Amino acid sequence: MSHHYVTEADASSPYTLPNIWVAQFTAHEVAEGMEDEIRQYSRMPQHRLASMNSTVRERMLEVIISDLEIRGGFMWCVCFPGCLPDSEWNGPFPTYAEALADAREQLAED
């Protein structure tokens, strides 16, 4: 994981901190963060014990990964060093550079 500035001008300012956090996630980690899908799949009869049984939960996550064709990759969020993320994770992107470019593009518009 690493922190970046939205623009290079921010990097040279003594009054700003890096505010983009880029990290790599596995497909399993991406699926674990998909709360709506987990809620939907856990209502299915074959996954109804997913909240109480780790084996059932793992099988459910494998089904989610397979059904939604989830791939791991690089994701970004907004935060300050030493702080928790201030936004949802965005991505995944196939490369680190693509994730960082998307973050800078999205945040430059704000």
Protein backbone atom coordinates (compact mmCIF):
# COMPACT_ATOMS: atom_id res chain seq x y z
CA MET A 1 0.00 0.00 0.00
CA SER A 2 1.20 3.46 -0.74
CA HIS A 3 0.04 7.02 -0.44
CA HIS A 4 0.01 9.57 -3.26
CA TYR A 5 -0.99 13.17 -3.87
CA VAL A 6 -3.79 14.10 -6.27
CA THR A 7 -1.46 16.42 -8.19
CA GLU A 8 2.28 16.99 -8.32
CA ALA A 9 1.66 20.57 -7.12
CA ASP A 10 0.22 19.10 -3.91
CA ALA A 11 3.38 17.05 -3.45
CA SER A 12 5.58 20.14 -3.44
CA SER A 13 3.40 22.08 -0.97
CA PRO A 14 4.48 21.97 2.67
CA TYR A 15 0.82 22.31 3.71
CA THR A 16 -0.62 19.17 2.14
CA LEU A 17 -0.47 15.47 2.92
CA PRO A 18 -0.87 12.53 0.54
CA ASN A 19 -4.54 11.68 0.24
CA ILE A 20 -4.77 8.75 -2.20
CA TRP A 21 -4.17 5.24 -0.93
CA VAL A 22 -3.51 2.50 -3.52
CA ALA A 23 -3.44 -1.17 -2.50
CA GLN A 24 -3.53 -4.59 -4.12
CA PHE A 25 -6.39 -6.98 -3.28
CA THR A 26 -7.04 -10.62 -4.10
CA ALA A 27 -10.34 -11.69 -5.66
CA HIS A 28 -11.33 -13.08 -2.25
CA GLU A 29 -10.67 -9.72 -0.55
CA VAL A 30 -12.64 -7.87 -3.24
CA ALA A 31 -15.60 -10.24 -2.73
CA GLU A 32 -15.47 -9.81 1.05
CA GLY A 33 -15.95 -6.07 0.59
CA MET A 34 -19.09 -6.46 -1.53
CA GLU A 35 -21.67 -6.05 1.24
CA ASP A 36 -24.76 -5.95 -0.99
CA GLU A 37 -23.79 -9.13 -2.83
CA ILE A 38 -22.92 -10.92 0.43
CA ARG A 39 -26.31 -9.95 1.85
CA GLN A 40 -28.05 -11.20 -1.31
CA TYR A 41 -26.16 -14.51 -1.48
CA SER A 42 -26.51 -15.20 2.25
CA ARG A 43 -30.30 -15.27 1.79
CA MET A 44 -29.99 -18.28 -0.52
CA PRO A 45 -30.81 -21.60 1.17
CA GLN A 46 -27.39 -23.13 0.49
CA HIS A 47 -25.64 -20.16 2.16
CA ARG A 48 -28.05 -19.42 5.01
CA LEU A 49 -25.46 -20.37 7.65
CA ALA A 50 -22.70 -18.18 6.18
CA SER A 51 -22.84 -15.74 9.09
CA MET A 52 -22.28 -18.55 11.61
CA ASN A 53 -20.07 -21.05 9.78
CA SER A 54 -16.75 -20.07 8.20
CA THR A 55 -16.77 -23.06 5.83
CA VAL A 56 -20.17 -22.07 4.43
CA ARG A 57 -19.02 -18.45 4.18
CA GLU A 58 -15.90 -19.45 2.23
CA ARG A 59 -18.00 -21.53 -0.18
CA MET A 60 -20.40 -18.60 -0.59
CA LEU A 61 -17.51 -16.23 -1.38
CA GLU A 62 -16.17 -18.71 -3.95
CA VAL A 63 -19.60 -18.76 -5.61
CA ILE A 64 -19.74 -14.94 -5.63
CA ILE A 65 -16.26 -14.78 -7.20
CA SER A 66 -17.26 -17.32 -9.83
CA ASP A 67 -20.73 -15.89 -10.60
CA LEU A 68 -19.59 -12.27 -10.83
CA GLU A 69 -16.22 -13.13 -12.41
CA ILE A 70 -14.39 -11.10 -9.79
CA ARG A 71 -10.69 -10.65 -10.26
CA GLY A 72 -8.15 -9.28 -7.86
CA GLY A 73 -6.29 -6.13 -8.65
CA PHE A 74 -5.34 -2.69 -7.47
CA MET A 75 -7.87 -0.44 -5.76
CA TRP A 76 -7.76 3.12 -4.43
CA CYS A 77 -9.51 5.17 -1.77
CA VAL A 78 -9.23 8.61 -0.22
CA CYS A 79 -7.53 8.94 3.17
CA PHE A 80 -4.71 10.57 5.07
CA PRO A 81 -1.63 8.72 6.37
CA GLY A 82 -2.34 7.07 9.68
CA CYS A 83 -6.10 7.46 9.25
CA LEU A 84 -8.86 5.14 8.14
CA PRO A 85 -10.14 5.51 4.55
CA ASP A 86 -12.60 8.36 4.01
CA SER A 87 -14.24 6.73 0.99
CA GLU A 88 -15.22 3.42 -0.52
CA TRP A 89 -12.56 1.43 -2.35
CA ASN A 90 -12.67 1.95 -6.13
CA GLY A 91 -11.63 -0.72 -8.61
CA PRO A 92 -10.19 -3.24 -9.08
CA PHE A 93 -7.80 -2.19 -11.84
CA PRO A 94 -5.34 -4.53 -13.56
CA THR A 95 -2.30 -2.37 -12.78
CA TYR A 96 -1.11 -0.03 -10.06
CA ALA A 97 -0.65 2.78 -12.61
CA GLU A 98 -4.25 2.47 -13.84
CA ALA A 99 -5.62 2.65 -10.30
CA LEU A 100 -3.55 5.75 -9.51
CA ALA A 101 -4.49 7.42 -12.81
CA ASP A 102 -8.20 6.78 -12.17
CA ALA A 103 -7.93 8.19 -8.65
CA ARG A 104 -6.23 11.33 -9.85
CA GLU A 105 -8.76 11.75 -12.65
CA GLN A 106 -11.75 11.29 -10.33
CA LEU A 107 -10.38 13.56 -7.61
CA ALA A 108 -9.19 16.28 -9.99
CA GLU A 109 -12.81 16.75 -11.09
CA ASP A 110 -13.90 17.58 -7.52
